[in-house]
Amino acid sequence: MVLSKGAMLWRSAKLLVVFFGVVVMSCSTDRKPMPIFGERSFNGTDTVYHTIAPFKFFDQDSVLIKNDDVAGKVYVADFFFTSCRTICPKMKTQMKRVYAATESFDDFMILSHTIDPEYDNVRRLKKFADKLETDSKRWHFLTGNRDSIFNLAQTSYFATAMEDKNDPDGYIHSGAFLLIDRKGRIRGKYDGTVAEDVDRLIGDIKKLRLEE
């Protein structure tokens, strides 16, 4: 049977619709989940992933913040101190971008831990947060026992945070922003001093919120 020109065009159009439908389905089903960082173990048939250890710190409003407050939420964590003269100002400028980009996300938080809690008390963190014009319900600046903060940074978040008397500011720490999922697992690590890496973080936050 010989098809007319109109019939051939109609048939081609239908084939294109089917083709693009397959492409869309393929793209949606081939979306790979983001990696999970840290060691893992096996409990029978279940995989047990590294998670952030229990913590309790006070924020800039003297509110006790603990694991329960971020359970079921996506959040970003970092380590800094208010008197830092090196990478911290860059980090906070970039974190402010994350804060602005997630303004409408009620399931997202930011936890910034001071590594100099003797100086960075609640009052000083409140002043620092106010200067950045941030909402304490979305961005918590945390202080507490110094050893607990150091231990959490190094063993839970795999981030550098320690005293160093040879450093002009007395401390050394990484500029890492850590992306944590709703189950307390590390899903990404980004350089908080590099705008392009923070762009990637913002995209991954949106992706992670859809994943779970």
N, C-alpha and C. Protein backbone atom coordinates (compact mmCIF):
# COMPACT_ATOMS: atom_id res chain seq x y z
N MET A 1 0.84 -1.19 0.00
CA MET A 1 0.00 0.00 0.00
C MET A 1 0.89 1.25 0.00
N VAL A 2 0.59 2.17 -0.88
CA VAL A 2 1.35 3.41 -0.98
C VAL A 2 0.66 4.48 -0.16
N LEU A 3 1.42 5.08 0.78
CA LEU A 3 0.84 6.11 1.63
C LEU A 3 0.92 7.46 0.95
N SER A 4 -0.10 8.28 1.15
CA SER A 4 -0.08 9.63 0.62
C SER A 4 0.94 10.46 1.40
N LYS A 5 1.31 11.61 0.85
CA LYS A 5 2.28 12.47 1.51
C LYS A 5 1.78 12.91 2.88
N GLY A 6 0.48 13.23 2.98
CA GLY A 6 -0.09 13.66 4.26
C GLY A 6 -0.05 12.54 5.29
N ALA A 7 -0.36 11.31 4.82
CA ALA A 7 -0.34 10.16 5.73
C ALA A 7 1.06 9.89 6.23
N MET A 8 2.05 10.05 5.34
CA MET A 8 3.44 9.83 5.74
C MET A 8 3.89 10.85 6.78
N LEU A 9 3.48 12.11 6.59
CA LEU A 9 3.82 13.15 7.55
C LEU A 9 3.19 12.88 8.91
N TRP A 10 1.92 12.44 8.90
CA TRP A 10 1.22 12.12 10.15
C TRP A 10 1.88 10.96 10.88
N ARG A 11 2.29 9.95 10.10
CA ARG A 11 2.94 8.79 10.69
C ARG A 11 4.29 9.19 11.30
N SER A 12 5.03 10.06 10.59
CA SER A 12 6.32 10.53 11.10
C SER A 12 6.15 11.32 12.39
N ALA A 13 5.09 12.13 12.41
CA ALA A 13 4.83 12.93 13.61
C ALA A 13 4.55 12.04 14.81
N LYS A 14 3.76 10.96 14.60
CA LYS A 14 3.45 10.04 15.68
C LYS A 14 4.70 9.33 16.17
N LEU A 15 5.59 8.96 15.23
CA LEU A 15 6.83 8.30 15.61
C LEU A 15 7.71 9.22 16.44
N LEU A 16 7.74 10.52 16.08
CA LEU A 16 8.53 11.48 16.85
C LEU A 16 7.99 11.62 18.27
N VAL A 17 6.66 11.63 18.41
CA VAL A 17 6.05 11.72 19.73
C VAL A 17 6.46 10.52 20.58
N VAL A 18 6.40 9.32 19.99
CA VAL A 18 6.78 8.11 20.71
C VAL A 18 8.26 8.16 21.09
N PHE A 19 9.11 8.61 20.13
CA PHE A 19 10.55 8.68 20.37
C PHE A 19 10.88 9.60 21.54
N PHE A 20 10.32 10.81 21.52
CA PHE A 20 10.61 11.75 22.59
C PHE A 20 10.04 11.30 23.92
N GLY A 21 8.93 10.58 23.89
CA GLY A 21 8.37 10.02 25.11
C GLY A 21 9.31 9.02 25.73
N VAL A 22 9.94 8.18 24.87
CA VAL A 22 10.91 7.19 25.35
C VAL A 22 12.13 7.89 25.93
N VAL A 23 12.59 8.96 25.26
CA VAL A 23 13.76 9.70 25.74
C VAL A 23 13.49 10.30 27.12
N VAL A 24 12.31 10.91 27.29
CA VAL A 24 11.96 11.51 28.57
C VAL A 24 11.91 10.46 29.67
N MET A 25 11.29 9.30 29.36
CA MET A 25 11.22 8.23 30.35
C MET A 25 12.60 7.72 30.69
N SER A 26 13.45 7.59 29.67
CA SER A 26 14.80 7.11 29.89
C SER A 26 15.58 8.06 30.78
N CYS A 27 15.46 9.38 30.52
CA CYS A 27 16.17 10.37 31.32
C CYS A 27 15.72 10.33 32.77
N SER A 28 14.41 10.15 32.98
CA SER A 28 13.89 10.17 34.34
C SER A 28 14.28 8.92 35.11
N THR A 29 14.31 7.77 34.42
CA THR A 29 14.63 6.52 35.12
C THR A 29 16.12 6.31 35.27
N ASP A 30 16.95 6.98 34.41
CA ASP A 30 18.39 6.81 34.48
C ASP A 30 19.05 7.80 35.45
N ARG A 31 18.27 8.66 36.08
CA ARG A 31 18.84 9.62 37.03
C ARG A 31 19.44 8.87 38.20
N LYS A 32 20.75 8.98 38.34
CA LYS A 32 21.44 8.23 39.37
C LYS A 32 21.36 8.97 40.70
N PRO A 33 21.18 8.24 41.79
CA PRO A 33 21.16 8.89 43.10
C PRO A 33 22.54 9.44 43.43
N MET A 34 22.59 10.45 44.26
CA MET A 34 23.87 11.02 44.67
C MET A 34 24.63 10.03 45.55
N PRO A 35 25.95 10.09 45.54
CA PRO A 35 26.74 9.14 46.35
C PRO A 35 26.52 9.36 47.85
N ILE A 36 26.82 8.32 48.62
CA ILE A 36 26.78 8.39 50.07
C ILE A 36 28.21 8.24 50.58
N PHE A 37 28.69 9.22 51.35
CA PHE A 37 30.08 9.24 51.79
C PHE A 37 30.26 8.44 53.08
N GLY A 38 31.50 7.97 53.30
CA GLY A 38 31.85 7.31 54.55
C GLY A 38 31.81 5.81 54.45
N GLU A 39 32.33 5.17 55.49
CA GLU A 39 32.37 3.71 55.54
C GLU A 39 30.95 3.16 55.69
N ARG A 40 30.79 1.94 55.21
CA ARG A 40 29.50 1.27 55.34
C ARG A 40 29.71 -0.15 55.84
N SER A 41 28.71 -0.69 56.50
CA SER A 41 28.76 -2.07 56.98
C SER A 41 27.48 -2.77 56.56
N PHE A 42 27.42 -4.05 56.82
CA PHE A 42 26.26 -4.83 56.40
C PHE A 42 25.64 -5.54 57.60
N ASN A 43 24.35 -5.38 57.72
CA ASN A 43 23.59 -6.02 58.79
C ASN A 43 22.60 -6.97 58.14
N GLY A 44 23.04 -8.21 57.96
CA GLY A 44 22.22 -9.15 57.22
C GLY A 44 22.17 -8.75 55.76
N THR A 45 21.00 -8.41 55.27
CA THR A 45 20.86 -7.98 53.87
C THR A 45 20.84 -6.46 53.74
N ASP A 46 20.85 -5.74 54.86
CA ASP A 46 20.78 -4.28 54.84
C ASP A 46 22.17 -3.65 54.90
N THR A 47 22.34 -2.55 54.17
CA THR A 47 23.58 -1.78 54.21
C THR A 47 23.44 -0.65 55.23
N VAL A 48 24.38 -0.56 56.15
CA VAL A 48 24.37 0.47 57.18
C VAL A 48 25.43 1.50 56.82
N TYR A 49 24.99 2.76 56.60
CA TYR A 49 25.89 3.82 56.17
C TYR A 49 26.34 4.68 57.34
N HIS A 50 27.47 5.32 57.16
CA HIS A 50 27.97 6.28 58.14
C HIS A 50 26.97 7.42 58.30
N THR A 51 26.69 7.79 59.54
CA THR A 51 25.79 8.91 59.82
C THR A 51 26.44 9.86 60.82
N ILE A 52 25.91 11.08 60.89
CA ILE A 52 26.44 12.07 61.82
C ILE A 52 26.10 11.65 63.25
N ALA A 53 27.09 11.69 64.12
CA ALA A 53 26.91 11.26 65.52
C ALA A 53 25.99 12.24 66.26
N PRO A 54 25.39 11.79 67.37
CA PRO A 54 24.54 12.68 68.17
C PRO A 54 25.30 13.92 68.64
N PHE A 55 24.61 15.05 68.64
CA PHE A 55 25.23 16.30 69.07
C PHE A 55 24.20 17.17 69.78
N LYS A 56 24.71 18.09 70.61
CA LYS A 56 23.88 19.08 71.29
C LYS A 56 24.70 20.37 71.43
N PHE A 57 24.26 21.42 70.74
CA PHE A 57 24.93 22.71 70.81
C PHE A 57 23.89 23.82 70.90
N PHE A 58 24.31 24.97 71.45
CA PHE A 58 23.42 26.11 71.54
C PHE A 58 23.62 27.02 70.34
N ASP A 59 22.49 27.57 69.82
CA ASP A 59 22.58 28.48 68.69
C ASP A 59 22.60 29.94 69.16
N GLN A 60 22.53 30.86 68.23
CA GLN A 60 22.64 32.28 68.53
C GLN A 60 21.47 32.83 69.35
N ASP A 61 20.41 32.05 69.46
CA ASP A 61 19.27 32.45 70.29
C ASP A 61 19.22 31.68 71.60
N SER A 62 20.32 31.02 71.94
CA SER A 62 20.41 30.18 73.15
C SER A 62 19.48 28.98 73.10
N VAL A 63 19.09 28.57 71.91
CA VAL A 63 18.24 27.39 71.72
C VAL A 63 19.14 26.17 71.55
N LEU A 64 18.82 25.10 72.27
CA LEU A 64 19.60 23.87 72.16
C LEU A 64 19.23 23.15 70.85
N ILE A 65 20.22 22.98 69.98
CA ILE A 65 20.02 22.31 68.70
C ILE A 65 20.67 20.93 68.75
N LYS A 66 19.90 19.92 68.38
CA LYS A 66 20.42 18.55 68.40
C LYS A 66 19.96 17.81 67.16
N ASN A 67 20.34 16.54 67.08
CA ASN A 67 20.02 15.73 65.90
C ASN A 67 18.54 15.73 65.57
N ASP A 68 17.71 15.70 66.60
CA ASP A 68 16.26 15.65 66.36
C ASP A 68 15.77 16.84 65.54
N ASP A 69 16.47 17.96 65.65
CA ASP A 69 16.03 19.18 64.97
C ASP A 69 16.30 19.15 63.47
N VAL A 70 17.21 18.27 63.04
CA VAL A 70 17.50 18.16 61.61
C VAL A 70 17.01 16.83 61.05
N ALA A 71 16.44 15.97 61.89
CA ALA A 71 15.94 14.68 61.42
C ALA A 71 14.84 14.91 60.38
N GLY A 72 14.96 14.23 59.27
CA GLY A 72 13.97 14.37 58.21
C GLY A 72 14.16 15.59 57.34
N LYS A 73 15.25 16.33 57.58
CA LYS A 73 15.56 17.52 56.78
C LYS A 73 16.88 17.33 56.04
N VAL A 74 17.02 18.05 54.95
CA VAL A 74 18.31 18.18 54.27
C VAL A 74 19.00 19.38 54.90
N TYR A 75 20.31 19.28 55.17
CA TYR A 75 21.01 20.44 55.72
C TYR A 75 22.46 20.50 55.26
N VAL A 76 23.05 21.68 55.41
CA VAL A 76 24.45 21.90 55.10
C VAL A 76 25.15 22.31 56.38
N ALA A 77 26.32 21.72 56.63
CA ALA A 77 27.11 22.03 57.82
C ALA A 77 28.47 22.59 57.42
N ASP A 78 29.00 23.48 58.26
CA ASP A 78 30.36 23.96 58.06
C ASP A 78 30.95 24.34 59.40
N PHE A 79 32.27 24.66 59.40
CA PHE A 79 33.00 25.00 60.61
C PHE A 79 33.78 26.29 60.37
N PHE A 80 33.70 27.21 61.34
CA PHE A 80 34.27 28.55 61.17
C PHE A 80 34.54 29.14 62.54
N PHE A 81 35.00 30.40 62.61
CA PHE A 81 35.00 31.17 63.85
C PHE A 81 34.94 32.64 63.48
N THR A 82 34.31 33.43 64.32
CA THR A 82 33.97 34.80 63.94
C THR A 82 35.19 35.71 63.78
N SER A 83 36.30 35.39 64.46
CA SER A 83 37.49 36.24 64.37
C SER A 83 38.44 35.79 63.27
N CYS A 84 38.05 34.80 62.51
CA CYS A 84 38.88 34.27 61.42
C CYS A 84 39.09 35.35 60.36
N ARG A 85 40.35 35.52 59.93
CA ARG A 85 40.68 36.56 58.96
C ARG A 85 41.06 36.00 57.59
N THR A 86 40.99 34.67 57.45
CA THR A 86 41.44 34.06 56.20
C THR A 86 40.25 33.63 55.33
N ILE A 87 39.83 32.37 55.47
CA ILE A 87 38.80 31.86 54.55
C ILE A 87 37.36 32.07 55.04
N CYS A 88 37.17 32.34 56.32
CA CYS A 88 35.80 32.44 56.84
C CYS A 88 34.95 33.52 56.18
N PRO A 89 35.47 34.72 55.94
CA PRO A 89 34.63 35.72 55.26
C PRO A 89 34.15 35.26 53.89
N LYS A 90 35.03 34.57 53.14
CA LYS A 90 34.61 34.03 51.84
C LYS A 90 33.54 32.96 52.02
N MET A 91 33.74 32.10 53.03
CA MET A 91 32.78 31.03 53.29
C MET A 91 31.40 31.59 53.61
N LYS A 92 31.36 32.61 54.44
CA LYS A 92 30.06 33.16 54.84
C LYS A 92 29.39 33.90 53.69
N THR A 93 30.17 34.51 52.82
CA THR A 93 29.60 35.15 51.63
C THR A 93 28.95 34.09 50.74
N GLN A 94 29.62 32.96 50.59
CA GLN A 94 29.08 31.89 49.76
C GLN A 94 27.90 31.18 50.44
N MET A 95 27.99 31.02 51.76
CA MET A 95 26.87 30.37 52.46
C MET A 95 25.63 31.25 52.42
N LYS A 96 25.84 32.55 52.39
CA LYS A 96 24.70 33.46 52.27
C LYS A 96 23.98 33.23 50.94
N ARG A 97 24.72 32.86 49.90
CA ARG A 97 24.11 32.50 48.62
C ARG A 97 23.26 31.24 48.76
N VAL A 98 23.77 30.27 49.50
CA VAL A 98 23.00 29.05 49.75
C VAL A 98 21.72 29.38 50.52
N TYR A 99 21.86 30.23 51.52
CA TYR A 99 20.73 30.67 52.34
C TYR A 99 19.66 31.34 51.47
N ALA A 100 20.09 32.21 50.56
CA ALA A 100 19.14 32.92 49.70
C ALA A 100 18.48 31.97 48.71
N ALA A 101 19.24 31.02 48.19
CA ALA A 101 18.71 30.10 47.17
C ALA A 101 17.72 29.11 47.75
N THR A 102 17.75 28.91 49.07
CA THR A 102 16.87 27.92 49.71
C THR A 102 15.78 28.57 50.55
N GLU A 103 15.52 29.82 50.31
CA GLU A 103 14.58 30.60 51.12
C GLU A 103 13.21 29.94 51.23
N SER A 104 12.76 29.30 50.17
CA SER A 104 11.41 28.73 50.16
C SER A 104 11.37 27.27 50.61
N PHE A 105 12.52 26.71 51.01
CA PHE A 105 12.58 25.30 51.39
C PHE A 105 12.35 25.15 52.90
N ASP A 106 11.19 24.66 53.28
CA ASP A 106 10.91 24.50 54.72
C ASP A 106 11.51 23.21 55.28
N ASP A 107 12.15 22.41 54.42
CA ASP A 107 12.77 21.16 54.87
C ASP A 107 14.29 21.24 54.76
N PHE A 108 14.82 22.45 54.87
CA PHE A 108 16.27 22.65 54.73
C PHE A 108 16.78 23.57 55.83
N MET A 109 18.01 23.29 56.32
CA MET A 109 18.63 24.11 57.36
C MET A 109 20.13 24.23 57.09
N ILE A 110 20.75 25.20 57.76
CA ILE A 110 22.20 25.38 57.74
C ILE A 110 22.70 25.37 59.18
N LEU A 111 23.76 24.59 59.45
CA LEU A 111 24.38 24.54 60.76
C LEU A 111 25.84 24.98 60.62
N SER A 112 26.18 26.13 61.19
CA SER A 112 27.55 26.62 61.18
C SER A 112 28.12 26.52 62.59
N HIS A 113 29.16 25.71 62.76
CA HIS A 113 29.74 25.44 64.08
C HIS A 113 30.99 26.28 64.28
N THR A 114 31.05 27.03 65.38
CA THR A 114 32.29 27.73 65.69
C THR A 114 33.31 26.75 66.26
N ILE A 115 34.57 26.92 65.89
CA ILE A 115 35.63 26.08 66.45
C ILE A 115 36.40 26.85 67.54
N ASP A 116 35.89 28.04 67.88
CA ASP A 116 36.47 28.84 68.96
C ASP A 116 35.34 29.24 69.93
N PRO A 117 34.74 28.23 70.58
CA PRO A 117 33.57 28.52 71.43
C PRO A 117 33.87 29.36 72.66
N GLU A 118 35.12 29.40 73.11
CA GLU A 118 35.45 30.23 74.27
C GLU A 118 35.27 31.71 73.93
N TYR A 119 35.57 32.08 72.72
CA TYR A 119 35.37 33.46 72.28
C TYR A 119 33.98 33.66 71.69
N ASP A 120 33.55 32.69 70.87
CA ASP A 120 32.26 32.79 70.18
C ASP A 120 31.13 32.27 71.07
N ASN A 121 30.78 33.08 72.06
CA ASN A 121 29.64 32.72 72.90
C ASN A 121 28.33 33.05 72.18
N VAL A 122 27.23 32.78 72.83
CA VAL A 122 25.92 33.00 72.21
C VAL A 122 25.74 34.46 71.81
N ARG A 123 26.13 35.37 72.67
CA ARG A 123 25.95 36.79 72.39
C ARG A 123 26.73 37.20 71.14
N ARG A 124 27.96 36.71 71.03
CA ARG A 124 28.79 37.10 69.88
C ARG A 124 28.24 36.47 68.59
N LEU A 125 27.75 35.23 68.68
CA LEU A 125 27.18 34.59 67.50
C LEU A 125 25.89 35.29 67.07
N LYS A 126 25.14 35.77 68.03
CA LYS A 126 23.91 36.51 67.71
C LYS A 126 24.26 37.78 66.94
N LYS A 127 25.25 38.48 67.39
CA LYS A 127 25.69 39.71 66.71
C LYS A 127 26.18 39.39 65.30
N PHE A 128 26.91 38.30 65.18
CA PHE A 128 27.44 37.88 63.87
C PHE A 128 26.30 37.52 62.92
N ALA A 129 25.32 36.77 63.42
CA ALA A 129 24.17 36.37 62.60
C ALA A 129 23.33 37.57 62.19
N ASP A 130 23.15 38.51 63.11
CA ASP A 130 22.37 39.72 62.79
C ASP A 130 23.06 40.54 61.71
N LYS A 131 24.38 40.57 61.75
CA LYS A 131 25.12 41.32 60.74
C LYS A 131 24.90 40.71 59.35
N LEU A 132 24.75 39.38 59.31
CA LEU A 132 24.50 38.69 58.04
C LEU A 132 23.02 38.75 57.64
N GLU A 133 22.18 39.25 58.55
CA GLU A 133 20.73 39.37 58.30
C GLU A 133 20.12 38.00 57.99
N THR A 134 20.31 37.07 58.93
CA THR A 134 19.81 35.71 58.75
C THR A 134 18.73 35.38 59.78
N ASP A 135 17.90 34.42 59.43
CA ASP A 135 16.82 33.95 60.28
C ASP A 135 17.31 32.72 61.04
N SER A 136 17.25 32.75 62.36
CA SER A 136 17.76 31.65 63.17
C SER A 136 16.96 30.36 63.01
N LYS A 137 15.78 30.44 62.42
CA LYS A 137 15.01 29.22 62.18
C LYS A 137 15.57 28.44 61.00
N ARG A 138 16.34 29.13 60.16
CA ARG A 138 16.89 28.48 58.96
C ARG A 138 18.39 28.31 59.02
N TRP A 139 19.08 29.21 59.71
CA TRP A 139 20.54 29.16 59.78
C TRP A 139 20.96 29.28 61.24
N HIS A 140 21.48 28.19 61.79
CA HIS A 140 21.89 28.15 63.19
C HIS A 140 23.41 28.27 63.30
N PHE A 141 23.86 29.23 64.09
CA PHE A 141 25.27 29.38 64.42
C PHE A 141 25.47 28.74 65.79
N LEU A 142 26.29 27.68 65.84
CA LEU A 142 26.33 26.82 67.01
C LEU A 142 27.62 26.95 67.81
N THR A 143 27.50 26.88 69.13
CA THR A 143 28.63 26.89 70.03
C THR A 143 28.41 25.86 71.13
N GLY A 144 29.50 25.47 71.79
CA GLY A 144 29.39 24.45 72.84
C GLY A 144 30.76 24.02 73.29
N ASN A 145 30.88 22.80 73.74
CA ASN A 145 32.16 22.27 74.19
C ASN A 145 33.12 22.13 73.01
N ARG A 146 34.32 22.70 73.16
CA ARG A 146 35.25 22.73 72.03
C ARG A 146 35.66 21.33 71.57
N ASP A 147 35.96 20.44 72.52
CA ASP A 147 36.39 19.10 72.15
C ASP A 147 35.27 18.35 71.42
N SER A 148 34.04 18.59 71.83
CA SER A 148 32.90 17.94 71.17
C SER A 148 32.76 18.43 69.74
N ILE A 149 32.99 19.73 69.53
CA ILE A 149 32.91 20.30 68.18
C ILE A 149 34.04 19.74 67.31
N PHE A 150 35.26 19.71 67.86
CA PHE A 150 36.39 19.17 67.11
C PHE A 150 36.14 17.71 66.73
N ASN A 151 35.67 16.93 67.69
CA ASN A 151 35.44 15.51 67.45
C ASN A 151 34.36 15.29 66.40
N LEU A 152 33.28 16.08 66.49
CA LEU A 152 32.20 15.96 65.52
C LEU A 152 32.70 16.31 64.12
N ALA A 153 33.50 17.36 64.03
CA ALA A 153 34.02 17.78 62.73
C ALA A 153 34.87 16.68 62.10
N GLN A 154 35.77 16.12 62.89
CA GLN A 154 36.76 15.21 62.35
C GLN A 154 36.24 13.78 62.14
N THR A 155 35.38 13.30 63.05
CA THR A 155 34.96 11.90 62.96
C THR A 155 33.60 11.72 62.32
N SER A 156 32.76 12.75 62.33
CA SER A 156 31.43 12.63 61.74
C SER A 156 31.36 13.28 60.36
N TYR A 157 31.88 14.52 60.26
CA TYR A 157 31.80 15.25 59.00
C TYR A 157 33.06 15.11 58.14
N PHE A 158 34.10 14.47 58.71
CA PHE A 158 35.38 14.31 58.00
C PHE A 158 35.93 15.66 57.54
N ALA A 159 35.84 16.64 58.43
CA ALA A 159 36.30 18.00 58.14
C ALA A 159 37.43 18.36 59.09
N THR A 160 38.36 19.18 58.65
CA THR A 160 39.48 19.63 59.47
C THR A 160 39.02 20.75 60.41
N ALA A 161 39.29 20.59 61.69
CA ALA A 161 38.97 21.62 62.68
C ALA A 161 39.81 21.35 63.92
N MET A 162 40.78 22.21 64.17
CA MET A 162 41.67 21.99 65.32
C MET A 162 42.41 23.26 65.71
N GLU A 163 42.95 23.24 66.91
CA GLU A 163 43.78 24.35 67.37
C GLU A 163 45.16 24.24 66.75
N ASP A 164 45.75 25.35 66.39
CA ASP A 164 47.10 25.37 65.84
C ASP A 164 47.77 26.67 66.29
N LYS A 165 48.64 26.57 67.28
CA LYS A 165 49.27 27.76 67.84
C LYS A 165 50.24 28.42 66.87
N ASN A 166 50.61 27.69 65.82
CA ASN A 166 51.50 28.27 64.81
C ASN A 166 50.75 29.10 63.78
N ASP A 167 49.42 28.96 63.76
CA ASP A 167 48.61 29.74 62.83
C ASP A 167 48.34 31.12 63.45
N PRO A 168 48.37 32.17 62.65
CA PRO A 168 48.13 33.52 63.19
C PRO A 168 46.82 33.66 63.94
N ASP A 169 45.79 32.94 63.51
CA ASP A 169 44.48 33.02 64.18
C ASP A 169 44.32 31.97 65.27
N GLY A 170 45.26 31.04 65.37
CA GLY A 170 45.21 30.05 66.44
C GLY A 170 44.48 28.77 66.11
N TYR A 171 43.83 28.72 64.96
CA TYR A 171 43.07 27.53 64.55
C TYR A 171 43.26 27.29 63.06
N ILE A 172 43.10 26.03 62.68
CA ILE A 172 43.02 25.70 61.27
C ILE A 172 41.77 24.88 61.03
N HIS A 173 41.15 25.10 59.88
CA HIS A 173 39.95 24.35 59.54
C HIS A 173 39.77 24.37 58.04
N SER A 174 39.02 23.40 57.55
CA SER A 174 38.76 23.34 56.11
C SER A 174 37.63 24.30 55.75
N GLY A 175 37.55 24.64 54.49
CA GLY A 175 36.46 25.49 54.02
C GLY A 175 35.32 24.68 53.45
N ALA A 176 35.20 23.44 53.90
CA ALA A 176 34.21 22.53 53.31
C ALA A 176 32.79 22.85 53.75
N PHE A 177 31.86 22.74 52.81
CA PHE A 177 30.43 22.71 53.09
C PHE A 177 29.99 21.27 52.90
N LEU A 178 29.36 20.69 53.92
CA LEU A 178 28.94 19.30 53.88
C LEU A 178 27.44 19.21 53.70
N LEU A 179 27.01 18.46 52.71
CA LEU A 179 25.58 18.28 52.44
C LEU A 179 25.10 16.99 53.07
N ILE A 180 24.10 17.10 53.95
CA ILE A 180 23.61 15.96 54.72
C ILE A 180 22.16 15.67 54.34
N ASP A 181 21.83 14.39 54.19
CA ASP A 181 20.47 14.05 53.78
C ASP A 181 19.54 13.85 54.98
N ARG A 182 18.34 13.46 54.70
CA ARG A 182 17.30 13.35 55.74
C ARG A 182 17.58 12.26 56.77
N LYS A 183 18.49 11.35 56.42
CA LYS A 183 18.85 10.26 57.33
C LYS A 183 20.17 10.50 58.04
N GLY A 184 20.71 11.71 57.91
CA GLY A 184 21.95 12.04 58.59
C GLY A 184 23.20 11.52 57.90
N ARG A 185 23.13 11.25 56.60
CA ARG A 185 24.26 10.73 55.84
C ARG A 185 24.89 11.84 54.99
N ILE A 186 26.21 11.81 54.84
CA ILE A 186 26.90 12.81 54.02
C ILE A 186 26.71 12.47 52.55
N ARG A 187 26.21 13.43 51.78
CA ARG A 187 25.94 13.18 50.37
C ARG A 187 26.77 14.05 49.43
N GLY A 188 27.53 15.01 49.99
CA GLY A 188 28.38 15.84 49.15
C GLY A 188 29.31 16.70 49.98
N LYS A 189 30.46 17.03 49.40
CA LYS A 189 31.45 17.89 50.05
C LYS A 189 31.90 18.92 49.03
N TYR A 190 31.88 20.21 49.40
CA TYR A 190 32.10 21.29 48.46
C TYR A 190 33.04 22.33 49.07
N ASP A 191 33.80 22.99 48.23
CA ASP A 191 34.70 24.05 48.69
C ASP A 191 33.90 25.33 48.87
N GLY A 192 33.73 25.73 50.11
CA GLY A 192 32.91 26.89 50.42
C GLY A 192 33.53 28.22 50.08
N THR A 193 34.73 28.21 49.50
CA THR A 193 35.37 29.46 49.09
C THR A 193 35.31 29.65 47.57
N VAL A 194 34.76 28.67 46.87
CA VAL A 194 34.74 28.70 45.40
C VAL A 194 33.30 28.79 44.91
N ALA A 195 32.96 29.85 44.21
CA ALA A 195 31.58 30.09 43.78
C ALA A 195 31.04 28.96 42.91
N GLU A 196 31.88 28.43 42.04
CA GLU A 196 31.43 27.36 41.14
C GLU A 196 31.07 26.11 41.92
N ASP A 197 31.83 25.82 42.96
CA ASP A 197 31.53 24.64 43.77
C ASP A 197 30.24 24.85 44.56
N VAL A 198 30.02 26.06 45.00
CA VAL A 198 28.79 26.38 45.73
C VAL A 198 27.58 26.35 44.79
N ASP A 199 27.78 26.73 43.54
CA ASP A 199 26.72 26.58 42.54
C ASP A 199 26.31 25.11 42.44
N ARG A 200 27.31 24.24 42.44
CA ARG A 200 27.04 22.80 42.37
C ARG A 200 26.30 22.33 43.62
N LEU A 201 26.69 22.86 44.77
CA LEU A 201 26.00 22.52 46.02
C LEU A 201 24.53 22.91 45.95
N ILE A 202 24.24 24.11 45.49
CA ILE A 202 22.85 24.58 45.41
C ILE A 202 22.03 23.65 44.51
N GLY A 203 22.62 23.25 43.39
CA GLY A 203 21.93 22.31 42.51
C GLY A 203 21.72 20.97 43.16
N ASP A 204 22.71 20.50 43.93
CA ASP A 204 22.60 19.20 44.59
C ASP A 204 21.58 19.23 45.74
N ILE A 205 21.44 20.37 46.40
CA ILE A 205 20.41 20.48 47.44
C ILE A 205 19.04 20.26 46.83
N LYS A 206 18.78 20.88 45.71
CA LYS A 206 17.49 20.73 45.03
C LYS A 206 17.30 19.29 44.58
N LYS A 207 18.36 18.68 44.08
CA LYS A 207 18.30 17.30 43.62
C LYS A 207 18.03 16.34 44.79
N LEU A 208 18.72 16.57 45.91
CA LEU A 208 18.58 15.69 47.07
C LEU A 208 17.19 15.78 47.67
N ARG A 209 16.58 16.95 47.65
CA ARG A 209 15.23 17.11 48.18
C ARG A 209 14.22 16.29 47.38
N LEU A 210 14.48 16.11 46.10
CA LEU A 210 13.59 15.32 45.26
C LEU A 210 13.86 13.82 45.36
N GLU A 211 15.08 13.49 45.77
CA GLU A 211 15.47 12.08 45.81
C GLU A 211 14.75 11.30 46.89
N GLU A 212 14.49 11.94 48.02
CA GLU A 212 13.97 11.18 49.16
C GLU A 212 12.53 11.59 49.50
